[in-house]
């Protein structure tokens, strides 16, 4: 794995600054876990019959970003990145369907849209409609939810990376 160049979240700070920093830290963690691997290594599955791989996680988290930021606050009908149906995240796990470069380009594009939405919001109280539930949610809730998603999946990424080449750590 490459050197750890992640920016640590602040020990003191306001709610928005802290949420933003922790979310970015988790995004950087995913990228770090995948750094230096070729497409074959990114596609290595955890164990049969699971389709889970580092590439699948990148694809899945691109869909998470789109589902929870773009679809909630900008366009509830925006198509998912890879899945035919919204919240069919299993479809994103078909990592044979794209290269690492394609998956990372899509993920980075969605992250930038999510960051823009958050930056442009007047407050964390911005309300959007979550299409799956048909209920209103706040930007605060979305940021916490996506942060939890990254935390969960970065734990998977730790194990996947260790299985690929024995690399462990942060």
Protein backbone atom coordinates (compact mmCIF):
# COMPACT_ATOMS: atom_id res chain seq x y z
CA UNK A 1 0.00 0.00 0.00
CA UNK A 2 1.17 3.53 -0.58
CA UNK A 3 2.13 5.91 2.16
CA UNK A 4 -0.74 7.17 4.26
CA UNK A 5 -1.42 10.65 2.90
CA UNK A 6 -4.94 10.94 4.29
CA UNK A 7 -5.82 14.16 6.07
CA UNK A 8 -6.89 13.32 9.62
CA UNK A 9 -10.22 14.76 10.75
CA UNK A 10 -10.03 17.61 13.27
CA UNK A 11 -10.01 16.84 16.96
CA UNK A 12 -12.03 19.99 17.56
CA UNK A 13 -14.43 21.60 15.15
CA UNK A 14 -17.98 22.35 14.23
CA UNK A 15 -20.50 19.71 13.23
CA UNK A 16 -20.33 20.33 9.50
CA UNK A 17 -16.56 20.59 9.36
CA UNK A 18 -16.25 17.37 11.39
CA UNK A 19 -18.74 15.39 9.29
CA UNK A 20 -17.14 16.60 6.06
CA UNK A 21 -13.64 15.71 7.28
CA UNK A 22 -14.60 12.25 8.53
CA UNK A 23 -16.43 11.45 5.30
CA UNK A 24 -13.46 12.57 3.21
CA UNK A 25 -11.13 10.56 5.43
CA UNK A 26 -13.19 7.44 4.78
CA UNK A 27 -13.24 8.17 1.04
CA UNK A 28 -9.45 8.53 1.10
CA UNK A 29 -9.22 5.24 3.01
CA UNK A 30 -11.02 3.38 0.23
CA UNK A 31 -8.65 4.84 -2.38
CA UNK A 32 -5.64 3.97 -0.22
CA UNK A 33 -6.79 0.34 0.19
CA UNK A 34 -6.92 -0.01 -3.60
CA UNK A 35 -3.74 1.91 -4.42
CA UNK A 36 -1.12 0.19 -6.52
CA UNK A 37 -3.27 -2.76 -7.59
CA UNK A 38 -3.94 -3.79 -11.18
CA UNK A 39 -7.38 -4.81 -12.47
CA UNK A 40 -6.83 -8.51 -11.73
CA UNK A 41 -5.91 -7.78 -8.11
CA UNK A 42 -8.85 -5.36 -7.74
CA UNK A 43 -11.17 -8.12 -9.01
CA UNK A 44 -9.94 -10.79 -6.57
CA UNK A 45 -12.95 -12.08 -4.68
CA UNK A 46 -13.05 -12.56 -0.95
CA UNK A 47 -14.27 -16.17 -1.01
CA UNK A 48 -16.76 -18.20 -3.00
CA UNK A 49 -19.60 -17.69 -3.56
CA UNK A 50 -19.22 -14.01 -2.65
CA UNK A 51 -18.77 -11.51 -5.49
CA UNK A 52 -17.13 -9.05 -3.11
CA UNK A 53 -13.88 -7.53 -4.35
CA UNK A 54 -12.14 -4.19 -4.00
CA UNK A 55 -13.37 -3.22 -7.46
CA UNK A 56 -16.91 -4.20 -6.47
CA UNK A 57 -16.64 -1.96 -3.39
CA UNK A 58 -15.54 1.00 -5.51
CA UNK A 59 -18.47 0.43 -7.86
CA UNK A 60 -20.87 -0.01 -4.93
CA UNK A 61 -19.71 3.17 -3.21
CA UNK A 62 -20.11 5.14 -6.44
CA UNK A 63 -23.74 4.00 -6.38
CA UNK A 64 -24.05 4.87 -2.68
CA UNK A 65 -22.79 8.40 -3.39
CA UNK A 66 -25.28 8.81 -6.25
CA UNK A 67 -28.21 7.26 -4.37
CA UNK A 68 -27.75 9.36 -1.24
CA UNK A 69 -26.63 12.72 -2.60
CA UNK A 70 -27.63 13.24 -6.25
CA UNK A 71 -30.89 11.27 -6.10
CA UNK A 72 -31.95 12.79 -2.76
CA UNK A 73 -31.06 16.44 -3.35
CA UNK A 74 -30.97 16.97 -7.13
CA UNK A 75 -32.65 14.34 -9.29
CA UNK A 76 -34.66 11.54 -7.72
CA UNK A 77 -34.95 9.84 -11.11
CA UNK A 78 -31.24 9.90 -11.98
CA UNK A 79 -30.21 6.43 -13.17
CA UNK A 80 -27.81 4.52 -11.01
CA UNK A 81 -24.22 4.19 -12.18
CA UNK A 82 -24.35 0.46 -13.00
CA UNK A 83 -27.52 -0.99 -11.53
CA UNK A 84 -30.69 -1.14 -13.58
CA UNK A 85 -32.79 -0.59 -10.47
CA UNK A 86 -32.04 1.85 -7.66
CA UNK A 87 -30.64 0.21 -4.55
CA UNK A 88 -29.85 -3.03 -6.38
CA UNK A 89 -26.32 -2.72 -5.08
CA UNK A 90 -25.58 -6.38 -5.80
CA UNK A 91 -25.50 -5.44 -9.49
CA UNK A 92 -22.60 -3.12 -8.76
CA UNK A 93 -20.64 -6.11 -7.49
CA UNK A 94 -20.31 -7.44 -11.04
CA UNK A 95 -16.78 -6.14 -11.21
CA UNK A 96 -16.05 -7.95 -14.48
CA UNK A 97 -18.10 -5.27 -16.21
CA UNK A 98 -15.53 -2.48 -15.86
CA UNK A 99 -11.88 -1.72 -15.34
CA UNK A 100 -10.40 -0.16 -12.24
CA UNK A 101 -9.88 3.06 -14.16
CA UNK A 102 -13.55 3.19 -15.20
CA UNK A 103 -14.79 2.38 -11.71
CA UNK A 104 -12.54 4.94 -10.04
CA UNK A 105 -13.48 7.61 -12.61
CA UNK A 106 -17.18 7.04 -11.90
CA UNK A 107 -16.62 6.95 -8.12
CA UNK A 108 -14.53 10.15 -8.16
CA UNK A 109 -17.16 11.91 -10.30
CA UNK A 110 -19.91 10.95 -7.85
CA UNK A 111 -17.79 12.03 -4.88
CA UNK A 112 -17.28 15.44 -6.48
CA UNK A 113 -21.01 15.85 -7.07
CA UNK A 114 -21.69 14.86 -3.44
CA UNK A 115 -19.09 17.35 -2.21
CA UNK A 116 -20.62 20.11 -4.37
CA UNK A 117 -24.11 19.40 -3.06
CA UNK A 118 -22.85 19.55 0.53
CA UNK A 119 -20.79 22.72 -0.05
CA UNK A 120 -23.68 24.54 -1.74
CA UNK A 121 -26.20 23.67 0.97
CA UNK A 122 -26.97 26.50 3.35
CA UNK A 123 -26.99 24.11 6.28
CA UNK A 124 -27.05 20.47 7.31
CA UNK A 125 -30.80 20.95 7.69
CA UNK A 126 -31.23 20.90 3.90
CA UNK A 127 -34.12 18.54 3.20
CA UNK A 128 -34.36 16.18 0.26
CA UNK A 129 -36.60 13.25 -0.59
CA UNK A 130 -35.14 9.78 -0.34
CA UNK A 131 -36.64 8.04 -3.41
CA UNK A 132 -36.60 4.52 -2.00
CA UNK A 133 -38.54 5.42 1.13
CA UNK A 134 -40.46 8.37 -0.28
CA UNK A 135 -39.59 10.29 2.89
CA UNK A 136 -37.79 13.51 3.59
CA UNK A 137 -34.27 13.33 5.01
CA UNK A 138 -31.74 15.96 6.02
CA UNK A 139 -28.28 16.48 4.60
CA UNK A 140 -27.00 15.71 8.10
CA UNK A 141 -28.67 12.28 8.06
CA UNK A 142 -27.34 11.56 4.57
CA UNK A 143 -23.78 12.48 5.53
CA UNK A 144 -23.91 10.27 8.62
CA UNK A 145 -25.46 7.40 6.65
CA UNK A 146 -22.83 7.57 3.91
CA UNK A 147 -20.06 7.86 6.51
CA UNK A 148 -21.35 4.65 8.14
CA UNK A 149 -21.46 2.95 4.72
CA UNK A 150 -17.81 3.81 4.09
CA UNK A 151 -16.79 2.67 7.57
CA UNK A 152 -18.48 -0.70 7.05
CA UNK A 153 -17.06 -1.24 3.59
CA UNK A 154 -13.58 -0.02 4.46
CA UNK A 155 -13.53 -2.84 7.01
CA UNK A 156 -14.26 -5.19 4.12
CA UNK A 157 -11.54 -3.47 2.10
CA UNK A 158 -9.01 -4.16 4.88
CA UNK A 159 -9.67 -7.89 4.66
CA UNK A 160 -9.81 -7.91 0.86
CA UNK A 161 -6.49 -6.10 0.53
CA UNK A 162 -4.84 -8.48 2.98
CA UNK A 163 -6.15 -11.39 0.91
CA UNK A 164 -4.78 -9.90 -2.32
CA UNK A 165 -1.19 -9.23 -1.26
CA UNK A 166 -0.88 -9.48 2.52
CA UNK A 167 -0.90 -5.71 3.03
CA UNK A 168 -2.45 -4.65 6.32
CA UNK A 169 -2.76 -1.41 8.22
CA UNK A 170 -4.60 1.85 8.56
